Amino acid sequence: MRIALNLAVITAIGLLAACNSEPSCTKEDAQKKVTDLSAKVTEIGTTDPAKLAELTPKLTELSTKAAAAGDDLDATCKAIDEMMAELSK
């Protein structure tokens, strides 16, 4: 669980650092999505660590995708949405 929480924090920092243009997904939208994602990761880590461990490779892949989006907030928000969808399954 500790690895997953670290991953979530690193992802959040990377995603927020990429937020500096003005697409339809604003910096505030991305920040809210990151906050929601971090809360969801924490919740799953607490309630179902096995599920979180199972999802960690997929979350890592999506995190890499989000980081590669650079200044494209729409792509960043989409990647965060995909991570939330994976966690909600």
N, C-alpha and C. Protein backbone atom coordinates (compact mmCIF):
# COMPACT_ATOMS: atom_id res chain seq x y z
N MET A 1 0.83 -1.18 0.00
CA MET A 1 0.00 0.00 0.00
C MET A 1 0.87 1.24 0.00
N ARG A 2 1.96 1.20 0.70
CA ARG A 2 2.84 2.36 0.77
C ARG A 2 3.35 2.74 -0.61
N ILE A 3 3.67 1.75 -1.45
CA ILE A 3 4.13 2.02 -2.81
C ILE A 3 3.03 2.71 -3.60
N ALA A 4 1.81 2.24 -3.47
CA ALA A 4 0.69 2.82 -4.21
C ALA A 4 0.45 4.26 -3.78
N LEU A 5 0.53 4.54 -2.49
CA LEU A 5 0.35 5.91 -2.01
C LEU A 5 1.47 6.81 -2.52
N ASN A 6 2.70 6.31 -2.52
CA ASN A 6 3.80 7.08 -3.06
C ASN A 6 3.59 7.35 -4.54
N LEU A 7 3.12 6.34 -5.25
CA LEU A 7 2.83 6.49 -6.68
C LEU A 7 1.77 7.57 -6.89
N ALA A 8 0.74 7.57 -6.08
CA ALA A 8 -0.33 8.57 -6.21
C ALA A 8 0.20 9.97 -5.96
N VAL A 9 1.04 10.14 -4.96
CA VAL A 9 1.60 11.45 -4.65
C VAL A 9 2.52 11.92 -5.78
N ILE A 10 3.38 11.04 -6.26
CA ILE A 10 4.28 11.39 -7.36
C ILE A 10 3.47 11.76 -8.60
N THR A 11 2.44 11.00 -8.88
CA THR A 11 1.57 11.29 -10.02
C THR A 11 0.92 12.65 -9.85
N ALA A 12 0.40 12.92 -8.67
CA ALA A 12 -0.25 14.20 -8.42
C ALA A 12 0.70 15.36 -8.64
N ILE A 13 1.90 15.25 -8.13
CA ILE A 13 2.89 16.31 -8.31
C ILE A 13 3.21 16.50 -9.79
N GLY A 14 3.42 15.40 -10.47
CA GLY A 14 3.72 15.49 -11.91
C GLY A 14 2.58 16.07 -12.71
N LEU A 15 1.37 15.68 -12.38
CA LEU A 15 0.22 16.18 -13.11
C LEU A 15 0.00 17.66 -12.86
N LEU A 16 0.16 18.09 -11.64
CA LEU A 16 -0.03 19.49 -11.34
C LEU A 16 1.07 20.35 -11.95
N ALA A 17 2.27 19.82 -12.04
CA ALA A 17 3.36 20.57 -12.67
C ALA A 17 3.11 20.78 -14.15
N ALA A 18 2.36 19.89 -14.76
CA ALA A 18 2.07 19.99 -16.18
C ALA A 18 0.93 20.95 -16.49
N CYS A 19 0.30 21.49 -15.49
CA CYS A 19 -0.91 22.29 -15.68
C CYS A 19 -0.59 23.78 -15.86
N ASN A 20 -0.36 24.21 -17.10
CA ASN A 20 -0.14 25.63 -17.27
C ASN A 20 -0.62 26.18 -18.61
N SER A 21 -1.50 25.50 -19.29
CA SER A 21 -2.14 26.06 -20.48
C SER A 21 -3.63 26.19 -20.20
N GLU A 22 -4.43 26.63 -21.18
CA GLU A 22 -5.84 26.88 -20.91
C GLU A 22 -6.79 26.08 -21.80
N PRO A 23 -6.76 24.77 -21.76
CA PRO A 23 -7.71 23.97 -22.52
C PRO A 23 -9.04 23.86 -21.79
N SER A 24 -9.92 22.99 -22.27
CA SER A 24 -11.22 22.83 -21.63
C SER A 24 -11.10 22.26 -20.22
N CYS A 25 -10.06 21.52 -19.96
CA CYS A 25 -9.78 21.03 -18.61
C CYS A 25 -8.83 22.05 -17.98
N THR A 26 -9.33 22.78 -17.01
CA THR A 26 -8.53 23.84 -16.39
C THR A 26 -7.59 23.26 -15.33
N LYS A 27 -6.70 24.09 -14.89
CA LYS A 27 -5.78 23.69 -13.82
C LYS A 27 -6.57 23.30 -12.57
N GLU A 28 -7.64 24.04 -12.29
CA GLU A 28 -8.47 23.75 -11.13
C GLU A 28 -9.17 22.40 -11.29
N ASP A 29 -9.64 22.11 -12.51
CA ASP A 29 -10.26 20.81 -12.78
C ASP A 29 -9.26 19.68 -12.50
N ALA A 30 -8.05 19.85 -13.03
CA ALA A 30 -7.02 18.83 -12.86
C ALA A 30 -6.67 18.66 -11.38
N GLN A 31 -6.57 19.77 -10.65
CA GLN A 31 -6.25 19.68 -9.22
C GLN A 31 -7.34 18.92 -8.47
N LYS A 32 -8.60 19.19 -8.80
CA LYS A 32 -9.70 18.48 -8.14
C LYS A 32 -9.65 16.99 -8.47
N LYS A 33 -9.37 16.69 -9.73
CA LYS A 33 -9.29 15.29 -10.15
C LYS A 33 -8.15 14.57 -9.42
N VAL A 34 -7.02 15.24 -9.26
CA VAL A 34 -5.88 14.65 -8.55
C VAL A 34 -6.25 14.40 -7.09
N THR A 35 -6.92 15.37 -6.48
CA THR A 35 -7.36 15.21 -5.09
C THR A 35 -8.31 14.03 -4.95
N ASP A 36 -9.27 13.94 -5.87
CA ASP A 36 -10.22 12.82 -5.85
C ASP A 36 -9.51 11.48 -6.06
N LEU A 37 -8.56 11.47 -6.99
CA LEU A 37 -7.80 10.25 -7.27
C LEU A 37 -7.00 9.82 -6.05
N SER A 38 -6.34 10.75 -5.40
CA SER A 38 -5.55 10.43 -4.20
C SER A 38 -6.45 9.85 -3.10
N ALA A 39 -7.63 10.45 -2.93
CA ALA A 39 -8.56 9.95 -1.92
C ALA A 39 -9.02 8.53 -2.26
N LYS A 40 -9.28 8.28 -3.53
CA LYS A 40 -9.74 6.95 -3.96
C LYS A 40 -8.65 5.91 -3.75
N VAL A 41 -7.40 6.27 -4.09
CA VAL A 41 -6.28 5.34 -3.89
C VAL A 41 -6.13 5.02 -2.41
N THR A 42 -6.23 6.04 -1.58
CA THR A 42 -6.12 5.83 -0.13
C THR A 42 -7.25 4.94 0.37
N GLU A 43 -8.46 5.21 -0.10
CA GLU A 43 -9.62 4.40 0.32
C GLU A 43 -9.45 2.93 -0.07
N ILE A 44 -9.05 2.69 -1.29
CA ILE A 44 -8.88 1.30 -1.74
C ILE A 44 -7.72 0.65 -1.01
N GLY A 45 -6.64 1.40 -0.79
CA GLY A 45 -5.50 0.86 -0.06
C GLY A 45 -5.87 0.44 1.35
N THR A 46 -6.81 1.15 1.94
CA THR A 46 -7.26 0.85 3.29
C THR A 46 -8.24 -0.31 3.31
N THR A 47 -9.18 -0.30 2.37
CA THR A 47 -10.25 -1.30 2.39
C THR A 47 -9.92 -2.58 1.64
N ASP A 48 -9.10 -2.48 0.59
CA ASP A 48 -8.82 -3.65 -0.23
C ASP A 48 -7.40 -3.57 -0.81
N PRO A 49 -6.38 -3.77 0.04
CA PRO A 49 -5.00 -3.67 -0.42
C PRO A 49 -4.67 -4.62 -1.57
N ALA A 50 -5.30 -5.77 -1.61
CA ALA A 50 -5.05 -6.73 -2.69
C ALA A 50 -5.50 -6.16 -4.03
N LYS A 51 -6.65 -5.50 -4.04
CA LYS A 51 -7.15 -4.88 -5.26
C LYS A 51 -6.19 -3.78 -5.72
N LEU A 52 -5.72 -2.99 -4.78
CA LEU A 52 -4.79 -1.91 -5.12
C LEU A 52 -3.50 -2.47 -5.69
N ALA A 53 -3.00 -3.53 -5.09
CA ALA A 53 -1.78 -4.17 -5.59
C ALA A 53 -2.00 -4.70 -7.01
N GLU A 54 -3.18 -5.23 -7.25
CA GLU A 54 -3.51 -5.75 -8.57
C GLU A 54 -3.60 -4.62 -9.60
N LEU A 55 -4.10 -3.47 -9.19
CA LEU A 55 -4.27 -2.34 -10.11
C LEU A 55 -3.02 -1.48 -10.29
N THR A 56 -2.03 -1.65 -9.43
CA THR A 56 -0.84 -0.81 -9.48
C THR A 56 -0.16 -0.78 -10.84
N PRO A 57 0.02 -1.91 -11.54
CA PRO A 57 0.65 -1.82 -12.88
C PRO A 57 -0.15 -0.96 -13.85
N LYS A 58 -1.46 -1.08 -13.83
CA LYS A 58 -2.31 -0.28 -14.72
C LYS A 58 -2.24 1.20 -14.34
N LEU A 59 -2.24 1.48 -13.04
CA LEU A 59 -2.14 2.86 -12.58
C LEU A 59 -0.79 3.47 -12.96
N THR A 60 0.25 2.66 -12.89
CA THR A 60 1.57 3.12 -13.28
C THR A 60 1.58 3.47 -14.77
N GLU A 61 0.97 2.61 -15.57
CA GLU A 61 0.89 2.86 -17.01
C GLU A 61 0.13 4.17 -17.30
N LEU A 62 -1.00 4.36 -16.63
CA LEU A 62 -1.79 5.57 -16.84
C LEU A 62 -1.07 6.81 -16.32
N SER A 63 -0.32 6.65 -15.24
CA SER A 63 0.46 7.76 -14.70
C SER A 63 1.53 8.20 -15.68
N THR A 64 2.17 7.23 -16.32
CA THR A 64 3.17 7.54 -17.33
C THR A 64 2.51 8.27 -18.50
N LYS A 65 1.34 7.83 -18.87
CA LYS A 65 0.58 8.47 -19.95
C LYS A 65 0.25 9.92 -19.58
N ALA A 66 -0.17 10.14 -18.35
CA ALA A 66 -0.51 11.48 -17.89
C ALA A 66 0.73 12.38 -17.87
N ALA A 67 1.84 11.84 -17.41
CA ALA A 67 3.08 12.62 -17.36
C ALA A 67 3.55 12.98 -18.76
N ALA A 68 3.33 12.07 -19.71
CA ALA A 68 3.74 12.32 -21.10
C ALA A 68 2.89 13.39 -21.76
N ALA A 69 1.73 13.69 -21.18
CA ALA A 69 0.84 14.69 -21.76
C ALA A 69 1.44 16.08 -21.69
N GLY A 70 2.42 16.27 -20.80
CA GLY A 70 3.08 17.57 -20.69
C GLY A 70 2.11 18.69 -20.37
N ASP A 71 2.05 19.69 -21.24
CA ASP A 71 1.18 20.85 -21.01
C ASP A 71 -0.26 20.64 -21.48
N ASP A 72 -0.57 19.48 -22.00
CA ASP A 72 -1.91 19.19 -22.51
C ASP A 72 -2.82 18.77 -21.36
N LEU A 73 -3.52 19.74 -20.80
CA LEU A 73 -4.39 19.45 -19.66
C LEU A 73 -5.54 18.52 -20.01
N ASP A 74 -6.03 18.61 -21.25
CA ASP A 74 -7.12 17.71 -21.64
C ASP A 74 -6.64 16.26 -21.57
N ALA A 75 -5.43 15.99 -22.05
CA ALA A 75 -4.88 14.64 -22.00
C ALA A 75 -4.63 14.22 -20.55
N THR A 76 -4.16 15.16 -19.74
CA THR A 76 -3.92 14.87 -18.33
C THR A 76 -5.22 14.51 -17.63
N CYS A 77 -6.25 15.31 -17.84
CA CYS A 77 -7.55 15.03 -17.22
C CYS A 77 -8.11 13.70 -17.70
N LYS A 78 -7.93 13.40 -18.97
CA LYS A 78 -8.41 12.13 -19.52
C LYS A 78 -7.70 10.96 -18.84
N ALA A 79 -6.38 11.08 -18.65
CA ALA A 79 -5.62 10.01 -17.99
C ALA A 79 -6.07 9.84 -16.55
N ILE A 80 -6.34 10.94 -15.86
CA ILE A 80 -6.82 10.85 -14.48
C ILE A 80 -8.19 10.17 -14.45
N ASP A 81 -9.04 10.54 -15.40
CA ASP A 81 -10.37 9.92 -15.49
C ASP A 81 -10.25 8.41 -15.72
N GLU A 82 -9.29 8.02 -16.56
CA GLU A 82 -9.08 6.60 -16.81
C GLU A 82 -8.61 5.88 -15.54
N MET A 83 -7.74 6.54 -14.76
CA MET A 83 -7.28 5.95 -13.50
C MET A 83 -8.46 5.78 -12.54
N MET A 84 -9.32 6.79 -12.45
CA MET A 84 -10.49 6.70 -11.58
C MET A 84 -11.41 5.57 -12.01
N ALA A 85 -11.57 5.43 -13.33
CA ALA A 85 -12.42 4.35 -13.85
C ALA A 85 -11.85 2.99 -13.46
N GLU A 86 -10.53 2.83 -13.56
CA GLU A 86 -9.89 1.56 -13.17
C GLU A 86 -10.11 1.28 -11.68
N LEU A 87 -9.99 2.32 -10.87
CA LEU A 87 -10.16 2.14 -9.43
C LEU A 87 -11.61 1.87 -9.04
N SER A 88 -12.53 2.31 -9.87
CA SER A 88 -13.95 2.15 -9.56
C SER A 88 -14.52 0.81 -10.00
N LYS A 89 -13.74 0.02 -10.72
CA LYS A 89 -14.23 -1.28 -11.22
C LYS A 89 -14.43 -2.24 -10.08
